């Protein structure tokens, strides 16, 4: 199967070790050193690690204890989200100087559709290089980029030449690129699905491509069609400049495990105060409230309830949080509690797309 034009030009920009790099930017003494962002206590986890720390196997979501074992000279620094947001806003202004079709995924990464762009530059590769240089010149931070015909391939490509690099997968290279790509790199293939594919002898895209649509549907249900299309370079998800917030939440990890529901309610009161502030600030309301519980053995549980009206104020939703806490007996002592709102009062407005053919 040969891909047919017109092709979009999608760039995925991903900041290099963003949180750690910001810490090193603001504190020159940390440059070139192995650092981890997050609390340094034994009960904490690593939020982000510098490339110097990654060489020792330190990575995000790793416990601080294990991180220290892998890298005894690791330096822990605290998160600074106000600073992350400040620099992220500056970086996005650079994006918007090239196109209005910017879809932020987080503070440190975004998709850009530059098929038509404000600079009139026909080369997506040149635009990506120029954006990366401007980010460095204006913020002192490094970024990597992936460029291709759709979001999926661009995102995979942005990881290939990290840090401070970029990779373009041209339209005529897409099929071969996907044929050689490990299946665990495919969008929508998590650890469980990857393990199932391995058991079926599916290790790379070419193996996946040998399966018919019927076989994949029988094996993976509705996702089967997605896998069938994506391995053939078909992924039509457009860059959505107005990404809709799907949930609002906050959580806290405790220094000591908690066994009493009374103490938990006290902690949940504080979390609820934070949720209310976020909801009111963003003018967001929700119908589904979820309580997240992580036990001392690291097992996790969520309990949810949906009501028929929108809520945003603590006095409205906290009785439900309390109800969820007492819904069933706790399995163990608790190390983390969280509250989140789903089913928000947001309306998705899909843009209308007109694709034009340009030289890539």
Protein backbone atom coordinates (compact mmCIF):
# COMPACT_ATOMS: atom_id res chain seq x y z
CA UNK A 1 0.00 0.00 0.00
CA UNK A 2 1.40 3.37 -1.04
CA UNK A 3 0.45 6.51 0.84
CA UNK A 4 -1.31 9.07 -1.27
CA UNK A 5 -0.92 12.86 -1.07
CA UNK A 6 -1.87 15.44 0.05
CA UNK A 7 0.35 15.15 3.11
CA UNK A 8 0.23 17.28 6.19
CA UNK A 9 3.43 18.63 7.76
CA UNK A 10 3.39 17.94 11.48
CA UNK A 11 6.12 18.85 13.96
CA UNK A 12 6.31 17.41 17.45
CA UNK A 13 8.51 19.57 19.69
CA UNK A 14 9.65 17.98 22.93
CA UNK A 15 11.79 19.84 25.44
CA UNK A 16 14.86 17.93 26.63
CA UNK A 17 14.60 16.86 30.30
CA UNK A 18 12.51 19.99 30.82
CA UNK A 19 12.10 20.21 34.61
CA UNK A 20 15.71 19.22 35.25
CA UNK A 21 16.99 21.53 32.51
CA UNK A 22 15.09 24.47 34.01
CA UNK A 23 16.73 23.77 37.37
CA UNK A 24 20.15 23.71 35.71
CA UNK A 25 19.35 26.86 33.75
CA UNK A 26 18.45 28.78 36.90
CA UNK A 27 21.27 27.35 38.99
CA UNK A 28 24.56 27.19 37.03
CA UNK A 29 26.14 25.13 39.83
CA UNK A 30 23.89 22.23 38.83
CA UNK A 31 24.92 22.19 35.17
CA UNK A 32 26.62 19.01 34.10
CA UNK A 33 25.56 17.24 37.29
CA UNK A 34 23.20 14.35 37.96
CA UNK A 35 20.03 15.88 39.37
CA UNK A 36 16.50 14.69 40.07
CA UNK A 37 13.47 16.91 40.43
CA UNK A 38 11.21 16.02 43.35
CA UNK A 39 11.36 15.74 47.08
CA UNK A 40 14.53 14.12 48.36
CA UNK A 41 12.84 12.12 51.12
CA UNK A 42 12.84 8.33 51.08
CA UNK A 43 9.10 8.20 50.43
CA UNK A 44 9.19 10.45 47.38
CA UNK A 45 9.55 9.65 43.70
CA UNK A 46 11.56 11.24 40.91
CA UNK A 47 9.51 13.65 38.80
CA UNK A 48 12.26 14.18 36.24
CA UNK A 49 15.96 13.45 35.84
CA UNK A 50 18.76 15.23 34.03
CA UNK A 51 20.56 13.38 31.24
CA UNK A 52 23.58 13.10 33.53
CA UNK A 53 21.38 11.17 35.99
CA UNK A 54 19.74 9.08 33.28
CA UNK A 55 23.14 7.61 32.40
CA UNK A 56 22.98 5.85 35.76
CA UNK A 57 19.47 4.53 35.12
CA UNK A 58 17.58 7.20 37.06
CA UNK A 59 14.20 7.98 35.49
CA UNK A 60 10.86 9.58 36.28
CA UNK A 61 8.43 7.72 38.58
CA UNK A 62 11.36 5.86 40.19
CA UNK A 63 11.45 5.85 43.98
CA UNK A 64 14.02 8.17 45.52
CA UNK A 65 15.55 5.24 47.39
CA UNK A 66 16.22 3.31 44.18
CA UNK A 67 17.43 6.45 42.42
CA UNK A 68 20.00 7.03 45.16
CA UNK A 69 21.13 3.43 44.91
CA UNK A 70 21.70 3.78 41.20
CA UNK A 71 23.36 7.19 41.49
CA UNK A 72 24.79 7.86 44.98
CA UNK A 73 25.89 11.40 44.05
CA UNK A 74 22.39 12.33 42.79
CA UNK A 75 21.29 15.85 43.73
CA UNK A 76 17.59 16.39 44.51
CA UNK A 77 15.96 19.74 43.70
CA UNK A 78 12.41 20.90 44.38
CA UNK A 79 9.82 21.42 41.65
CA UNK A 80 9.06 24.98 40.58
CA UNK A 81 5.84 24.88 38.55
CA UNK A 82 5.48 28.65 38.41
CA UNK A 83 8.82 28.80 36.61
CA UNK A 84 7.95 25.85 34.34
CA UNK A 85 4.71 27.58 33.30
CA UNK A 86 6.49 30.89 32.74
CA UNK A 87 9.02 29.37 30.34
CA UNK A 88 6.39 27.16 28.70
CA UNK A 89 4.31 30.26 27.86
CA UNK A 90 7.41 31.87 26.34
CA UNK A 91 8.07 28.78 24.22
CA UNK A 92 4.47 28.63 23.02
CA UNK A 93 4.70 32.23 21.84
CA UNK A 94 7.51 31.06 19.58
CA UNK A 95 5.26 28.29 18.23
CA UNK A 96 2.44 30.75 17.55
CA UNK A 97 4.74 32.95 15.51
CA UNK A 98 4.82 30.10 12.96
CA UNK A 99 1.28 28.70 13.11
CA UNK A 100 -1.96 28.99 15.05
CA UNK A 101 -2.39 25.22 14.83
CA UNK A 102 -0.56 24.38 18.06
CA UNK A 103 -1.73 21.52 20.27
CA UNK A 104 0.04 21.55 23.65
CA UNK A 105 0.29 18.11 25.25
CA UNK A 106 1.91 19.36 28.45
CA UNK A 107 4.18 22.17 29.59
CA UNK A 108 7.10 20.68 27.67
CA UNK A 109 5.73 19.30 24.41
CA UNK A 110 3.36 20.24 21.61
CA UNK A 111 2.26 19.39 18.07
CA UNK A 112 2.40 22.03 15.34
CA UNK A 113 0.75 21.78 11.94
CA UNK A 114 2.93 23.84 9.58
CA UNK A 115 1.39 22.67 6.30
CA UNK A 116 0.50 26.31 5.86
CA UNK A 117 2.55 28.57 8.09
CA UNK A 118 3.02 32.26 8.83
CA UNK A 119 6.57 32.28 7.46
CA UNK A 120 5.60 30.87 4.09
CA UNK A 121 8.39 28.33 4.48
CA UNK A 122 7.73 25.13 2.50
CA UNK A 123 10.22 23.08 4.56
CA UNK A 124 8.87 21.66 7.82
CA UNK A 125 12.38 20.44 8.59
CA UNK A 126 13.79 23.97 8.37
CA UNK A 127 10.95 25.36 10.48
CA UNK A 128 11.62 22.79 13.21
CA UNK A 129 15.34 23.65 13.22
CA UNK A 130 14.56 27.36 13.38
CA UNK A 131 12.08 26.87 16.25
CA UNK A 132 14.61 24.84 18.23
CA UNK A 133 17.27 27.51 17.73
CA UNK A 134 14.90 30.26 18.81
CA UNK A 135 13.93 28.33 21.94
CA UNK A 136 17.60 28.10 22.86
CA UNK A 137 18.38 31.71 22.01
CA UNK A 138 15.37 33.09 23.91
CA UNK A 139 15.23 30.73 26.92
CA UNK A 140 18.56 28.92 27.10
CA UNK A 141 16.78 25.55 26.91
CA UNK A 142 17.23 22.74 24.39
CA UNK A 143 14.48 20.99 22.46
CA UNK A 144 14.19 18.03 20.11
CA UNK A 145 11.73 17.64 17.26
CA UNK A 146 10.13 15.03 15.04
CA UNK A 147 8.67 15.89 11.65
CA UNK A 148 6.37 13.78 9.49
CA UNK A 149 2.96 13.42 7.87
CA UNK A 150 0.98 12.72 11.05
CA UNK A 151 1.13 13.22 14.80
CA UNK A 152 1.98 9.63 15.65
CA UNK A 153 5.08 9.40 13.46
CA UNK A 154 6.22 12.91 14.41
CA UNK A 155 6.06 12.01 18.11
CA UNK A 156 8.02 8.79 17.64
CA UNK A 157 10.57 10.64 15.50
CA UNK A 158 11.17 13.35 18.10
CA UNK A 159 12.66 10.75 20.44
CA UNK A 160 15.17 9.35 17.95
CA UNK A 161 17.87 12.02 18.05
CA UNK A 162 17.38 13.25 21.62
CA UNK A 163 18.75 15.33 23.18
CA UNK A 164 19.00 18.49 21.08
CA UNK A 165 18.28 16.86 17.74
CA UNK A 166 15.55 16.26 15.22
CA UNK A 167 14.40 13.58 12.83
CA UNK A 168 12.32 13.93 9.70
CA UNK A 169 10.40 10.95 8.31
CA UNK A 170 9.55 11.93 4.73
CA UNK A 171 6.38 10.63 3.09
CA UNK A 172 8.33 8.13 0.97
CA UNK A 173 10.08 6.82 4.11
CA UNK A 174 6.99 6.32 6.25
CA UNK A 175 6.13 2.73 5.28
CA UNK A 176 9.67 1.43 5.82
CA UNK A 177 10.00 3.41 9.05
CA UNK A 178 6.83 1.82 10.42
CA UNK A 179 7.83 -1.65 9.20
CA UNK A 180 10.98 -1.52 11.35
CA UNK A 181 9.41 0.18 14.37
CA UNK A 182 9.07 -1.97 17.54
CA UNK A 183 5.39 -2.52 18.31
CA UNK A 184 5.74 -1.12 21.83
CA UNK A 185 6.47 2.25 20.18
CA UNK A 186 3.12 2.27 18.39
CA UNK A 187 0.49 4.67 19.69
CA UNK A 188 -2.06 2.78 21.77
CA UNK A 189 0.16 -0.23 22.48
CA UNK A 190 0.82 -0.40 26.21
CA UNK A 191 2.73 -3.01 28.20
CA UNK A 192 -0.14 -5.51 28.33
CA UNK A 193 -0.93 -5.25 24.61
CA UNK A 194 2.77 -5.39 23.71
CA UNK A 195 3.17 -8.60 25.74
CA UNK A 196 0.17 -10.11 23.94
CA UNK A 197 1.67 -9.14 20.58
CA UNK A 198 5.03 -10.67 21.50
CA UNK A 199 3.28 -13.94 22.34
CA UNK A 200 1.71 -13.82 18.88
CA UNK A 201 5.11 -13.30 17.23
CA UNK A 202 4.45 -9.62 16.55
CA UNK A 203 7.60 -7.67 17.40
CA UNK A 204 7.89 -4.92 14.78
CA UNK A 205 5.56 -3.11 12.44
CA UNK A 206 6.17 -5.51 9.58
CA UNK A 207 4.95 -8.41 11.75
CA UNK A 208 1.84 -6.42 12.63
CA UNK A 209 1.24 -5.62 8.98
CA UNK A 210 0.99 -9.33 8.10
CA UNK A 211 -2.20 -9.61 10.12
CA UNK A 212 -5.49 -8.95 8.35
CA UNK A 213 -8.05 -6.46 9.61
CA UNK A 214 -10.29 -9.38 10.61
CA UNK A 215 -7.49 -11.07 12.58
CA UNK A 216 -6.55 -7.89 14.42
CA UNK A 217 -10.18 -7.14 15.24
CA UNK A 218 -10.67 -10.64 16.62
CA UNK A 219 -7.49 -10.34 18.68
CA UNK A 220 -7.77 -6.75 19.91
CA UNK A 221 -11.40 -5.73 19.45
CA UNK A 222 -12.02 -2.14 18.32
CA UNK A 223 -8.31 -1.33 18.68
CA UNK A 224 -7.56 -3.85 15.94
CA UNK A 225 -8.69 -1.44 13.22
CA UNK A 226 -6.52 1.27 14.74
CA UNK A 227 -3.44 -1.00 14.64
CA UNK A 228 -4.29 -2.07 11.08
CA UNK A 229 -4.40 1.57 9.92
CA UNK A 230 -1.53 3.01 11.91
CA UNK A 231 1.04 0.47 10.69
CA UNK A 232 0.10 1.57 7.17
CA UNK A 233 0.72 5.22 7.99
CA UNK A 234 -2.96 6.09 8.31
CA UNK A 235 -3.52 8.30 11.35
CA UNK A 236 -5.82 11.19 10.59
CA UNK A 237 -6.00 12.86 13.99
CA UNK A 238 -5.68 16.58 13.30
CA UNK A 239 -3.68 19.02 15.39
CA UNK A 240 -6.30 20.49 17.72
CA UNK A 241 -5.37 24.02 18.75
CA UNK A 242 -8.04 24.10 21.45
CA UNK A 243 -7.42 20.97 23.46
CA UNK A 244 -10.22 20.44 25.93
CA UNK A 245 -9.39 19.83 29.57
CA UNK A 246 -10.89 16.45 30.44
CA UNK A 247 -10.22 16.42 34.15
CA UNK A 248 -9.11 18.56 37.07
CA UNK A 249 -7.34 16.90 39.97
CA UNK A 250 -4.86 17.11 42.81
CA UNK A 251 -3.16 14.51 44.99
CA UNK A 252 -0.80 14.32 47.95
CA UNK A 253 1.78 11.75 49.03
CA UNK A 254 2.28 11.56 52.80
CA UNK A 255 5.53 11.31 54.76
CA UNK A 256 3.98 8.61 56.93
CA UNK A 257 1.31 6.07 56.03
CA UNK A 258 -2.18 6.90 57.31
CA UNK A 259 -4.51 4.26 58.74
CA UNK A 260 -7.32 6.39 60.18
CA UNK A 261 -10.16 7.69 58.00
CA UNK A 262 -10.41 10.71 60.31
CA UNK A 263 -6.86 11.76 59.45
CA UNK A 264 -7.58 11.02 55.78
CA UNK A 265 -10.57 13.35 55.81
CA UNK A 266 -8.34 16.11 57.16
CA UNK A 267 -5.92 15.59 54.25
CA UNK A 268 -8.79 15.38 51.76
CA UNK A 269 -10.16 18.69 53.06
CA UNK A 270 -6.90 20.37 52.04
CA UNK A 271 -6.89 18.68 48.64
CA UNK A 272 -10.52 19.72 48.11
CA UNK A 273 -9.59 23.34 48.85
CA UNK A 274 -7.00 23.18 46.08
CA UNK A 275 -9.47 21.56 43.67
CA UNK A 276 -12.05 24.29 44.34
CA UNK A 277 -9.46 27.00 43.59
CA UNK A 278 -8.52 25.34 40.29
CA UNK A 279 -12.14 24.81 39.26
CA UNK A 280 -13.12 28.41 39.99
CA UNK A 281 -10.01 29.85 38.34
CA UNK A 282 -10.62 27.88 35.13
CA UNK A 283 -14.41 28.39 35.29
CA UNK A 284 -14.76 24.62 35.13
CA UNK A 285 -17.44 22.41 36.63
CA UNK A 286 -17.82 18.64 36.63
CA UNK A 287 -20.29 15.87 37.26
CA UNK A 288 -17.98 12.95 38.11
CA UNK A 289 -15.91 12.99 41.29
CA UNK A 290 -13.16 10.38 41.75
CA UNK A 291 -11.24 9.48 44.89
CA UNK A 292 -7.79 8.00 44.30
CA UNK A 293 -6.20 5.87 47.00
CA UNK A 294 -2.67 4.47 46.86
CA UNK A 295 -1.85 2.01 49.60
CA UNK A 296 1.45 1.45 51.40
CA UNK A 297 2.08 -1.62 49.22
CA UNK A 298 1.74 0.67 46.15
CA UNK A 299 -1.51 -0.92 44.96
CA UNK A 300 -3.98 1.69 43.76
CA UNK A 301 -7.75 2.05 43.89
CA UNK A 302 -10.21 4.58 42.50
CA UNK A 303 -13.79 5.15 43.58
CA UNK A 304 -16.09 7.36 41.52
CA UNK A 305 -19.58 8.79 41.57
CA UNK A 306 -21.44 10.74 38.88
CA UNK A 307 -24.26 13.13 39.68
CA UNK A 308 -26.77 14.78 37.34
CA UNK A 309 -25.60 18.36 37.90
CA UNK A 310 -22.33 20.26 37.55
CA UNK A 311 -20.30 21.06 40.65
CA UNK A 312 -17.26 23.18 41.42
CA UNK A 313 -17.54 24.29 45.04
CA UNK A 314 -16.17 22.28 47.92
CA UNK A 315 -19.43 22.39 49.86
CA UNK A 316 -21.08 20.67 46.88
CA UNK A 317 -18.59 17.90 46.18
CA UNK A 318 -16.85 17.17 49.49
CA UNK A 319 -19.81 15.20 50.93
CA UNK A 320 -19.38 12.87 47.93
CA UNK A 321 -15.64 12.55 48.62
CA UNK A 322 -16.47 11.58 52.18
CA UNK A 323 -19.06 9.08 50.95
CA UNK A 324 -16.49 7.51 48.61
CA UNK A 325 -13.93 7.23 51.40
CA UNK A 326 -16.36 5.28 53.57
CA UNK A 327 -17.78 3.34 50.63
CA UNK A 328 -15.80 0.25 51.57
CA UNK A 329 -13.19 -0.79 54.09
CA UNK A 330 -9.63 0.27 53.33
CA UNK A 331 -7.34 -2.58 52.30
CA UNK A 332 -4.22 -1.25 53.98
CA UNK A 333 -2.59 1.89 55.31
CA UNK A 334 -2.55 4.74 52.78
CA UNK A 335 0.42 6.67 51.35
CA UNK A 336 -1.40 8.87 48.78
CA UNK A 337 -4.84 10.42 48.37
CA UNK A 338 -6.20 12.31 45.38
CA UNK A 339 -9.41 13.92 44.18
CA UNK A 340 -10.30 14.57 40.57
CA UNK A 341 -13.24 15.89 38.56
CA UNK A 342 -14.31 14.40 35.24
CA UNK A 343 -17.32 14.86 32.96
CA UNK A 344 -16.51 18.55 32.73
CA UNK A 345 -18.63 21.34 31.25
CA UNK A 346 -16.34 21.67 28.24
CA UNK A 347 -17.49 21.53 24.65
CA UNK A 348 -15.26 20.10 21.94
CA UNK A 349 -15.26 22.14 18.79
CA UNK A 350 -13.59 20.34 15.91
CA UNK A 351 -11.86 22.56 13.34
CA UNK A 352 -12.58 22.17 9.67
CA UNK A 353 -9.50 21.07 7.73
CA UNK A 354 -8.54 21.70 4.15
CA UNK A 355 -5.44 19.80 3.07
CA UNK A 356 -3.21 21.18 0.37
CA UNK A 357 -0.28 19.54 -1.38
CA UNK A 358 3.12 21.07 -0.84
CA UNK A 359 6.68 19.94 -1.29
CA UNK A 360 7.75 18.31 1.97
